[in-house]
Amino acid sequence: MLNDRGEELWGETDHSAQVICIETGLHPDKERVIVLHETLHQIIGQVGSPIGMSERQEEAICTLLGESLLGHVRENPAYWRYMLRRVV
C-alpha cells in the first residue's frame, strides 16, 4: 500500500468509514502491531488530538504504544483475561 505521498504503508485507517486496512503477507507479530497501531489512530481520530500533536508526533506515539501494548498482552495474559471478562 502507498499513501498520498507515495510512501509505503503496512496499514492505514479510514476514519470516516471506521475501517482499518493492513498489508497482506505480514508476519503475524507485525500484523498484530500494525492492527494495534491503526486502532490507536482510530481512537485519537474519535476524540481528536487534545494536545494538538502533529501527524509525525501521532505516528510516533501510535508506533510506540502499538508495540508496547502487544508486549503487555503477551507478558500479562491473566491481566487481559481479567480485562476482557464478560460482566453480567
PDB file of N, CA and C in Angstrom:
ATOM      1  N   MET A   1       0.846  -1.181   0.000  1.00  0.00           N
ATOM      2  CA  MET A   1       0.000   0.000   0.000  1.00  0.00           C
ATOM      3  C   MET A   1       0.886   1.238   0.000  1.00  0.00           C
ATOM      4  N   LEU A   2       0.389   2.277  -0.644  1.00  0.00           N
ATOM      5  CA  LEU A   2       1.102   3.554  -0.681  1.00  0.00           C
ATOM      6  C   LEU A   2       0.172   4.657  -0.193  1.00  0.00           C
ATOM      7  N   ASN A   3       0.746   5.645   0.484  1.00  0.00           N
ATOM      8  CA  ASN A   3      -0.061   6.789   0.904  1.00  0.00           C
ATOM      9  C   ASN A   3      -0.080   7.849  -0.192  1.00  0.00           C
ATOM     10  N   ASP A   4      -0.656   9.015   0.104  1.00  0.00           N
ATOM     11  CA  ASP A   4      -0.781  10.102  -0.878  1.00  0.00           C
ATOM     12  C   ASP A   4       0.581  10.585  -1.378  1.00  0.00           C
ATOM     13  N   ARG A   5       1.600  10.449  -0.542  1.00  0.00           N
ATOM     14  CA  ARG A   5       2.939  10.924  -0.892  1.00  0.00           C
ATOM     15  C   ARG A   5       3.787   9.833  -1.535  1.00  0.00           C
ATOM     16  N   GLY A   6       3.194   8.662  -1.812  1.00  0.00           N
ATOM     17  CA  GLY A   6       3.919   7.567  -2.435  1.00  0.00           C
ATOM     18  C   GLY A   6       4.779   6.768  -1.480  1.00  0.00           C
ATOM     19  N   GLU A   7       4.575   6.972  -0.173  1.00  0.00           N
ATOM     20  CA  GLU A   7       5.336   6.236   0.835  1.00  0.00           C
ATOM     21  C   GLU A   7       4.663   4.894   1.096  1.00  0.00           C
ATOM     22  N   GLU A   8       5.495   3.870   1.315  1.00  0.00           N
ATOM     23  CA  GLU A   8       4.957   2.535   1.575  1.00  0.00           C
ATOM     24  C   GLU A   8       4.317   2.475   2.962  1.00  0.00           C
ATOM     25  N   LEU A   9       3.161   1.843   3.032  1.00  0.00           N
ATOM     26  CA  LEU A   9       2.434   1.679   4.293  1.00  0.00           C
ATOM     27  C   LEU A   9       2.209   0.203   4.567  1.00  0.00           C
ATOM     28  N   TRP A  10       2.179  -0.160   5.839  1.00  0.00           N
ATOM     29  CA  TRP A  10       1.789  -1.514   6.230  1.00  0.00           C
ATOM     30  C   TRP A  10       0.330  -1.544   6.660  1.00  0.00           C
ATOM     31  N   GLY A  11      -0.198  -0.379   6.969  1.00  0.00           N
ATOM     32  CA  GLY A  11      -1.596  -0.280   7.367  1.00  0.00           C
ATOM     33  C   GLY A  11      -2.076   1.139   7.215  1.00  0.00           C
ATOM     34  N   GLU A  12      -3.386   1.287   7.156  1.00  0.00           N
ATOM     35  CA  GLU A  12      -3.956   2.630   7.120  1.00  0.00           C
ATOM     36  C   GLU A  12      -5.355   2.602   7.691  1.00  0.00           C
ATOM     37  N   THR A  13      -5.780   3.762   8.147  1.00  0.00           N
ATOM     38  CA  THR A  13      -7.062   3.916   8.809  1.00  0.00           C
ATOM     39  C   THR A  13      -7.936   4.863   8.011  1.00  0.00           C
ATOM     40  N   ASP A  14      -9.173   4.468   7.772  1.00  0.00           N
ATOM     41  CA  ASP A  14     -10.170   5.350   7.174  1.00  0.00           C
ATOM     42  C   ASP A  14     -11.090   5.771   8.310  1.00  0.00           C
ATOM     43  N   HIS A  15     -10.882   6.984   8.803  1.00  0.00           N
ATOM     44  CA  HIS A  15     -11.649   7.448   9.959  1.00  0.00           C
ATOM     45  C   HIS A  15     -13.146   7.549   9.667  1.00  0.00           C
ATOM     46  N   SER A  16     -13.508   8.036   8.500  1.00  0.00           N
ATOM     47  CA  SER A  16     -14.930   8.218   8.199  1.00  0.00           C
ATOM     48  C   SER A  16     -15.676   6.890   8.109  1.00  0.00           C
ATOM     49  N   ALA A  17     -15.033   5.875   7.540  1.00  0.00           N
ATOM     50  CA  ALA A  17     -15.671   4.560   7.423  1.00  0.00           C
ATOM     51  C   ALA A  17     -15.377   3.667   8.631  1.00  0.00           C
ATOM     52  N   GLN A  18     -14.485   4.122   9.509  1.00  0.00           N
ATOM     53  CA  GLN A  18     -14.034   3.335  10.661  1.00  0.00           C
ATOM     54  C   GLN A  18     -13.556   1.957  10.216  1.00  0.00           C
ATOM     55  N   VAL A  19     -12.637   1.988   9.245  1.00  0.00           N
ATOM     56  CA  VAL A  19     -12.078   0.768   8.672  1.00  0.00           C
ATOM     57  C   VAL A  19     -10.561   0.828   8.763  1.00  0.00           C
ATOM     58  N   ILE A  20      -9.973  -0.300   9.125  1.00  0.00           N
ATOM     59  CA  ILE A  20      -8.523  -0.442   9.144  1.00  0.00           C
ATOM     60  C   ILE A  20      -8.148  -1.446   8.063  1.00  0.00           C
ATOM     61  N   CYS A  21      -7.197  -1.088   7.209  1.00  0.00           N
ATOM     62  CA  CYS A  21      -6.670  -1.986   6.183  1.00  0.00           C
ATOM     63  C   CYS A  21      -5.202  -2.222   6.489  1.00  0.00           C
ATOM     64  N   ILE A  22      -4.764  -3.477   6.361  1.00  0.00           N
ATOM     65  CA  ILE A  22      -3.355  -3.779   6.563  1.00  0.00           C
ATOM     66  C   ILE A  22      -2.834  -4.568   5.373  1.00  0.00           C
ATOM     67  N   GLU A  23      -1.537  -4.459   5.175  1.00  0.00           N
ATOM     68  CA  GLU A  23      -0.858  -5.170   4.089  1.00  0.00           C
ATOM     69  C   GLU A  23      -0.989  -6.676   4.311  1.00  0.00           C
ATOM     70  N   THR A  24      -1.175  -7.413   3.247  1.00  0.00           N
ATOM     71  CA  THR A  24      -1.254  -8.866   3.364  1.00  0.00           C
ATOM     72  C   THR A  24       0.150  -9.454   3.389  1.00  0.00           C
ATOM     73  N   GLY A  25       0.262 -10.653   3.951  1.00  0.00           N
ATOM     74  CA  GLY A  25       1.520 -11.381   3.943  1.00  0.00           C
ATOM     75  C   GLY A  25       2.506 -10.981   5.018  1.00  0.00           C
ATOM     76  N   LEU A  26       2.084 -10.176   5.978  1.00  0.00           N
ATOM     77  CA  LEU A  26       2.974  -9.785   7.068  1.00  0.00           C
ATOM     78  C   LEU A  26       3.134 -10.933   8.063  1.00  0.00           C
ATOM     79  N   HIS A  27       4.249 -10.944   8.770  1.00  0.00           N
ATOM     80  CA  HIS A  27       4.433 -11.885   9.871  1.00  0.00           C
ATOM     81  C   HIS A  27       3.319 -11.618  10.885  1.00  0.00           C
ATOM     82  N   PRO A  28       2.754 -12.648  11.513  1.00  0.00           N
ATOM     83  CA  PRO A  28       1.647 -12.448  12.461  1.00  0.00           C
ATOM     84  C   PRO A  28       1.947 -11.433  13.570  1.00  0.00           C
ATOM     85  N   ASP A  29       3.183 -11.403  14.074  1.00  0.00           N
ATOM     86  CA  ASP A  29       3.519 -10.414  15.100  1.00  0.00           C
ATOM     87  C   ASP A  29       3.465  -8.997  14.531  1.00  0.00           C
ATOM     88  N   LYS A  30       3.998  -8.806  13.334  1.00  0.00           N
ATOM     89  CA  LYS A  30       3.970  -7.488  12.692  1.00  0.00           C
ATOM     90  C   LYS A  30       2.525  -7.088  12.403  1.00  0.00           C
ATOM     91  N   GLU A  31       1.730  -8.040  11.955  1.00  0.00           N
ATOM     92  CA  GLU A  31       0.312  -7.781  11.675  1.00  0.00           C
ATOM     93  C   GLU A  31      -0.397  -7.276  12.930  1.00  0.00           C
ATOM     94  N   ARG A  32      -0.154  -7.922  14.057  1.00  0.00           N
ATOM     95  CA  ARG A  32      -0.792  -7.514  15.313  1.00  0.00           C
ATOM     96  C   ARG A  32      -0.366  -6.110  15.733  1.00  0.00           C
ATOM     97  N   VAL A  33       0.927  -5.825  15.600  1.00  0.00           N
ATOM     98  CA  VAL A  33       1.419  -4.488  15.941  1.00  0.00           C
ATOM     99  C   VAL A  33       0.753  -3.438  15.052  1.00  0.00           C
ATOM    100  N   ILE A  34       0.625  -3.737  13.771  1.00  0.00           N
ATOM    101  CA  ILE A  34       0.011  -2.786  12.835  1.00  0.00           C
ATOM    102  C   ILE A  34      -1.466  -2.573  13.184  1.00  0.00           C
ATOM    103  N   VAL A  35      -2.188  -3.640  13.508  1.00  0.00           N
ATOM    104  CA  VAL A  35      -3.597  -3.503  13.886  1.00  0.00           C
ATOM    105  C   VAL A  35      -3.724  -2.632  15.135  1.00  0.00           C
ATOM    106  N   LEU A  36      -2.886  -2.874  16.139  1.00  0.00           N
ATOM    107  CA  LEU A  36      -2.914  -2.035  17.341  1.00  0.00           C
ATOM    108  C   LEU A  36      -2.562  -0.586  17.007  1.00  0.00           C
ATOM    109  N   HIS A  37      -1.546  -0.383  16.200  1.00  0.00           N
ATOM    110  CA  HIS A  37      -1.123   0.949  15.771  1.00  0.00           C
ATOM    111  C   HIS A  37      -2.283   1.695  15.105  1.00  0.00           C
ATOM    112  N   GLU A  38      -2.930   1.034  14.161  1.00  0.00           N
ATOM    113  CA  GLU A  38      -4.044   1.671  13.445  1.00  0.00           C
ATOM    114  C   GLU A  38      -5.252   1.893  14.353  1.00  0.00           C
ATOM    115  N   THR A  39      -5.468   0.989  15.295  1.00  0.00           N
ATOM    116  CA  THR A  39      -6.545   1.170  16.277  1.00  0.00           C
ATOM    117  C   THR A  39      -6.302   2.424  17.101  1.00  0.00           C
ATOM    118  N   LEU A  40      -5.053   2.651  17.470  1.00  0.00           N
ATOM    119  CA  LEU A  40      -4.718   3.870  18.216  1.00  0.00           C
ATOM    120  C   LEU A  40      -4.993   5.117  17.380  1.00  0.00           C
ATOM    121  N   HIS A  41      -4.696   5.065  16.082  1.00  0.00           N
ATOM    122  CA  HIS A  41      -5.058   6.188  15.206  1.00  0.00           C
ATOM    123  C   HIS A  41      -6.576   6.416  15.224  1.00  0.00           C
ATOM    124  N   GLN A  42      -7.344   5.319  15.191  1.00  0.00           N
ATOM    125  CA  GLN A  42      -8.811   5.439  15.239  1.00  0.00           C
ATOM    126  C   GLN A  42      -9.255   6.121  16.529  1.00  0.00           C
ATOM    127  N   ILE A  43      -8.688   5.696  17.650  1.00  0.00           N
ATOM    128  CA  ILE A  43      -9.063   6.278  18.943  1.00  0.00           C
ATOM    129  C   ILE A  43      -8.737   7.762  18.973  1.00  0.00           C
ATOM    130  N   ILE A  44      -7.535   8.124  18.536  1.00  0.00           N
ATOM    131  CA  ILE A  44      -7.159   9.541  18.509  1.00  0.00           C
ATOM    132  C   ILE A  44      -8.087  10.306  17.573  1.00  0.00           C
ATOM    133  N   GLY A  45      -8.431   9.709  16.443  1.00  0.00           N
ATOM    134  CA  GLY A  45      -9.339  10.362  15.500  1.00  0.00           C
ATOM    135  C   GLY A  45     -10.730  10.590  16.065  1.00  0.00           C
ATOM    136  N   GLN A  46     -11.184   9.689  16.915  1.00  0.00           N
ATOM    137  CA  GLN A  46     -12.517   9.826  17.511  1.00  0.00           C
ATOM    138  C   GLN A  46     -12.569  10.927  18.555  1.00  0.00           C
ATOM    139  N   VAL A  47     -11.515  11.047  19.359  1.00  0.00           N
ATOM    140  CA  VAL A  47     -11.520  12.052  20.430  1.00  0.00           C
ATOM    141  C   VAL A  47     -10.863  13.349  20.005  1.00  0.00           C
ATOM    142  N   GLY A  48     -10.170  13.333  18.890  1.00  0.00           N
ATOM    143  CA  GLY A  48      -9.415  14.499  18.472  1.00  0.00           C
ATOM    144  C   GLY A  48      -8.114  14.548  19.248  1.00  0.00           C
ATOM    145  N   SER A  49      -7.197  15.318  18.775  1.00  0.00           N
ATOM    146  CA  SER A  49      -5.912  15.423  19.451  1.00  0.00           C
ATOM    147  C   SER A  49      -6.014  16.482  20.546  1.00  0.00           C
ATOM    148  N   PRO A  50      -6.131  16.044  21.807  1.00  0.00           N
ATOM    149  CA  PRO A  50      -6.327  17.011  22.889  1.00  0.00           C
ATOM    150  C   PRO A  50      -5.127  17.925  23.101  1.00  0.00           C
ATOM    151  N   ILE A  51      -3.956  17.520  22.630  1.00  0.00           N
ATOM    152  CA  ILE A  51      -2.774  18.357  22.819  1.00  0.00           C
ATOM    153  C   ILE A  51      -2.274  18.938  21.503  1.00  0.00           C
ATOM    154  N   GLY A  52      -3.061  18.794  20.462  1.00  0.00           N
ATOM    155  CA  GLY A  52      -2.708  19.360  19.170  1.00  0.00           C
ATOM    156  C   GLY A  52      -1.414  18.817  18.594  1.00  0.00           C
ATOM    157  N   MET A  53      -1.212  17.512  18.717  1.00  0.00           N
ATOM    158  CA  MET A  53       0.031  16.933  18.210  1.00  0.00           C
ATOM    159  C   MET A  53       0.029  16.897  16.691  1.00  0.00           C
ATOM    160  N   SER A  54       1.218  16.939  16.145  1.00  0.00           N
ATOM    161  CA  SER A  54       1.373  16.882  14.698  1.00  0.00           C
ATOM    162  C   SER A  54       1.156  15.449  14.205  1.00  0.00           C
ATOM    163  N   GLU A  55       1.032  15.309  12.903  1.00  0.00           N
ATOM    164  CA  GLU A  55       0.884  13.966  12.306  1.00  0.00           C
ATOM    165  C   GLU A  55       2.112  13.108  12.632  1.00  0.00           C
ATOM    166  N   ARG A  56       3.267  13.707  12.603  1.00  0.00           N
ATOM    167  CA  ARG A  56       4.508  12.995  12.914  1.00  0.00           C
ATOM    168  C   ARG A  56       4.534  12.524  14.368  1.00  0.00           C
ATOM    169  N   GLN A  57       4.083  13.385  15.280  1.00  0.00           N
ATOM    170  CA  GLN A  57       4.037  13.013  16.695  1.00  0.00           C
ATOM    171  C   GLN A  57       3.024  11.890  16.925  1.00  0.00           C
ATOM    172  N   GLU A  58       1.853  11.999  16.290  1.00  0.00           N
ATOM    173  CA  GLU A  58       0.836  10.957  16.422  1.00  0.00           C
ATOM    174  C   GLU A  58       1.377   9.624  15.917  1.00  0.00           C
ATOM    175  N   GLU A  59       2.075   9.652  14.798  1.00  0.00           N
ATOM    176  CA  GLU A  59       2.637   8.426  14.228  1.00  0.00           C
ATOM    177  C   GLU A  59       3.625   7.784  15.202  1.00  0.00           C
ATOM    178  N   ALA A  60       4.478   8.602  15.798  1.00  0.00           N
ATOM    179  CA  ALA A  60       5.473   8.086  16.747  1.00  0.00           C
ATOM    180  C   ALA A  60       4.796   7.493  17.979  1.00  0.00           C
ATOM    181  N   ILE A  61       3.753   8.157  18.477  1.00  0.00           N
ATOM    182  CA  ILE A  61       3.035   7.672  19.657  1.00  0.00           C
ATOM    183  C   ILE A  61       2.321   6.361  19.348  1.00  0.00           C
ATOM    184  N   CYS A  62       1.662   6.274  18.196  1.00  0.00           N
ATOM    185  CA  CYS A  62       0.955   5.044  17.822  1.00  0.00           C
ATOM    186  C   CYS A  62       1.926   3.885  17.629  1.00  0.00           C
ATOM    187  N   THR A  63       3.098   4.160  17.091  1.00  0.00           N
ATOM    188  CA  THR A  63       4.111   3.116  16.914  1.00  0.00           C
ATOM    189  C   THR A  63       4.599   2.619  18.268  1.00  0.00           C
ATOM    190  N   LEU A  64       4.960   3.538  19.135  1.00  0.00           N
ATOM    191  CA  LEU A  64       5.459   3.158  20.463  1.00  0.00           C
ATOM    192  C   LEU A  64       4.409   2.392  21.257  1.00  0.00           C
ATOM    193  N   LEU A  65       3.186   2.905  21.301  1.00  0.00           N
ATOM    194  CA  LEU A  65       2.138   2.260  22.086  1.00  0.00           C
ATOM    195  C   LEU A  65       1.680   0.945  21.467  1.00  0.00           C
ATOM    196  N   GLY A  66       1.611   0.855  20.141  1.00  0.00           N
ATOM    197  CA  GLY A  66       1.222  -0.402  19.494  1.00  0.00           C
ATOM    198  C   GLY A  66       2.171  -1.525  19.844  1.00  0.00           C
ATOM    199  N   GLU A  67       3.467  -1.246  19.749  1.00  0.00           N
ATOM    200  CA  GLU A  67       4.468  -2.264  20.080  1.00  0.00           C
ATOM    201  C   GLU A  67       4.434  -2.598  21.574  1.00  0.00           C
ATOM    202  N   SER A  68       4.276  -1.578  22.407  1.00  0.00           N
ATOM    203  CA  SER A  68       4.242  -1.791  23.858  1.00  0.00           C
ATOM    204  C   SER A  68       3.007  -2.578  24.286  1.00  0.00           C
ATOM    205  N   LEU A  69       1.861  -2.270  23.677  1.00  0.00           N
ATOM    206  CA  LEU A  69       0.631  -2.990  24.026  1.00  0.00           C
ATOM    207  C   LEU A  69       0.726  -4.465  23.676  1.00  0.00           C
ATOM    208  N   LEU A  70       1.283  -4.783  22.521  1.00  0.00           N
ATOM    209  CA  LEU A  70       1.412  -6.196  22.163  1.00  0.00           C
ATOM    210  C   LEU A  70       2.313  -6.911  23.162  1.00  0.00           C
ATOM    211  N   GLY A  71       3.394  -6.283  23.560  1.00  0.00           N
ATOM    212  CA  GLY A  71       4.258  -6.869  24.575  1.00  0.00           C
ATOM    213  C   GLY A  71       3.533  -7.063  25.898  1.00  0.00           C
ATOM    214  N   HIS A  72       2.720  -6.087  26.270  1.00  0.00           N
ATOM    215  CA  HIS A  72       1.977  -6.171  27.526  1.00  0.00           C
ATOM    216  C   HIS A  72       0.960  -7.318  27.485  1.00  0.00           C
ATOM    217  N   VAL A  73       0.277  -7.454  26.380  1.00  0.00           N
ATOM    218  CA  VAL A  73      -0.688  -8.547  26.227  1.00  0.00           C
ATOM    219  C   VAL A  73       0.016  -9.890  26.375  1.00  0.00           C
ATOM    220  N   ARG A  74       1.157 -10.032  25.721  1.00  0.00           N
ATOM    221  CA  ARG A  74       1.893 -11.299  25.763  1.00  0.00           C
ATOM    222  C   ARG A  74       2.437 -11.603  27.150  1.00  0.00           C
ATOM    223  N   GLU A  75       2.915 -10.591  27.843  1.00  0.00           N
ATOM    224  CA  GLU A  75       3.558 -10.794  29.140  1.00  0.00           C
ATOM    225  C   GLU A  75       2.572 -10.874  30.300  1.00  0.00           C
ATOM    226  N   ASN A  76       1.333 -10.469  30.074  1.00  0.00           N
ATOM    227  CA  ASN A  76       0.351 -10.404  31.157  1.00  0.00           C
ATOM    228  C   ASN A  76      -0.991 -10.995  30.752  1.00  0.00           C
ATOM    229  N   PRO A  77      -1.021 -12.264  30.339  1.00  0.00           N
ATOM    230  CA  PRO A  77      -2.279 -12.846  29.863  1.00  0.00           C
ATOM    231  C   PRO A  77      -3.380 -12.858  30.924  1.00  0.00           C
ATOM    232  N   ALA A  78      -3.024 -13.044  32.192  1.00  0.00           N
ATOM    233  CA  ALA A  78      -4.054 -13.054  33.244  1.00  0.00           C
ATOM    234  C   ALA A  78      -4.721 -11.689  33.360  1.00  0.00           C
ATOM    235  N   TYR A  79      -3.933 -10.644  33.243  1.00  0.00           N
ATOM    236  CA  TYR A  79      -4.475  -9.283  33.274  1.00  0.00           C
ATOM    237  C   TYR A  79      -5.480  -9.096  32.154  1.00  0.00           C
ATOM    238  N   TRP A  80      -5.130  -9.507  30.928  1.00  0.00           N
ATOM    239  CA  TRP A  80      -6.020  -9.303  29.788  1.00  0.00           C
ATOM    240  C   TRP A  80      -7.245 -10.198  29.854  1.00  0.00           C
ATOM    241  N   ARG A  81      -7.119 -11.405  30.401  1.00  0.00           N
ATOM    242  CA  ARG A  81      -8.322 -12.240  30.609  1.00  0.00           C
ATOM    243  C   ARG A  81      -9.260 -11.515  31.579  1.00  0.00           C
ATOM    244  N   TYR A  82      -8.687 -10.945  32.627  1.00  0.00           N
ATOM    245  CA  TYR A  82      -9.487 -10.183  33.602  1.00  0.00           C
ATOM    246  C   TYR A  82     -10.173  -8.997  32.915  1.00  0.00           C
ATOM    247  N   MET A  83      -9.440  -8.253  32.128  1.00  0.00           N
ATOM    248  CA  MET A  83      -9.996  -7.068  31.467  1.00  0.00           C
ATOM    249  C   MET A  83     -11.066  -7.435  30.430  1.00  0.00           C
ATOM    250  N   LEU A  84     -10.928  -8.593  29.816  1.00  0.00           N
ATOM    251  CA  LEU A  84     -11.853  -8.995  28.763  1.00  0.00           C
ATOM    252  C   LEU A  84     -12.997  -9.878  29.245  1.00  0.00           C
ATOM    253  N   ARG A  85     -13.001 -10.122  30.556  1.00  0.00           N
ATOM    254  CA  ARG A  85     -14.067 -10.987  31.085  1.00  0.00           C
ATOM    255  C   ARG A  85     -15.418 -10.317  30.841  1.00  0.00           C
ATOM    256  N   ARG A  86     -16.381 -11.122  30.742  1.00  0.00           N
ATOM    257  CA  ARG A  86     -17.738 -10.639  30.499  1.00  0.00           C
ATOM    258  C   ARG A  86     -18.359 -10.236  31.831  1.00  0.00           C
ATOM    259  N   VAL A  87     -18.865  -9.049  31.889  1.00  0.00           N
ATOM    260  CA  VAL A  87     -19.527  -8.548  33.095  1.00  0.00           C
ATOM    261  C   VAL A  87     -21.028  -8.698  32.899  1.00  0.00           C
ATOM    262  N   VAL A  88     -21.640  -9.388  33.827  1.00  0.00           N
ATOM    263  CA  VAL A  88     -23.086  -9.639  33.706  1.00  0.00           C
ATOM    264  C   VAL A  88     -23.855  -8.752  34.646  1.00  0.00           C
TER     265      VAL A  88
END
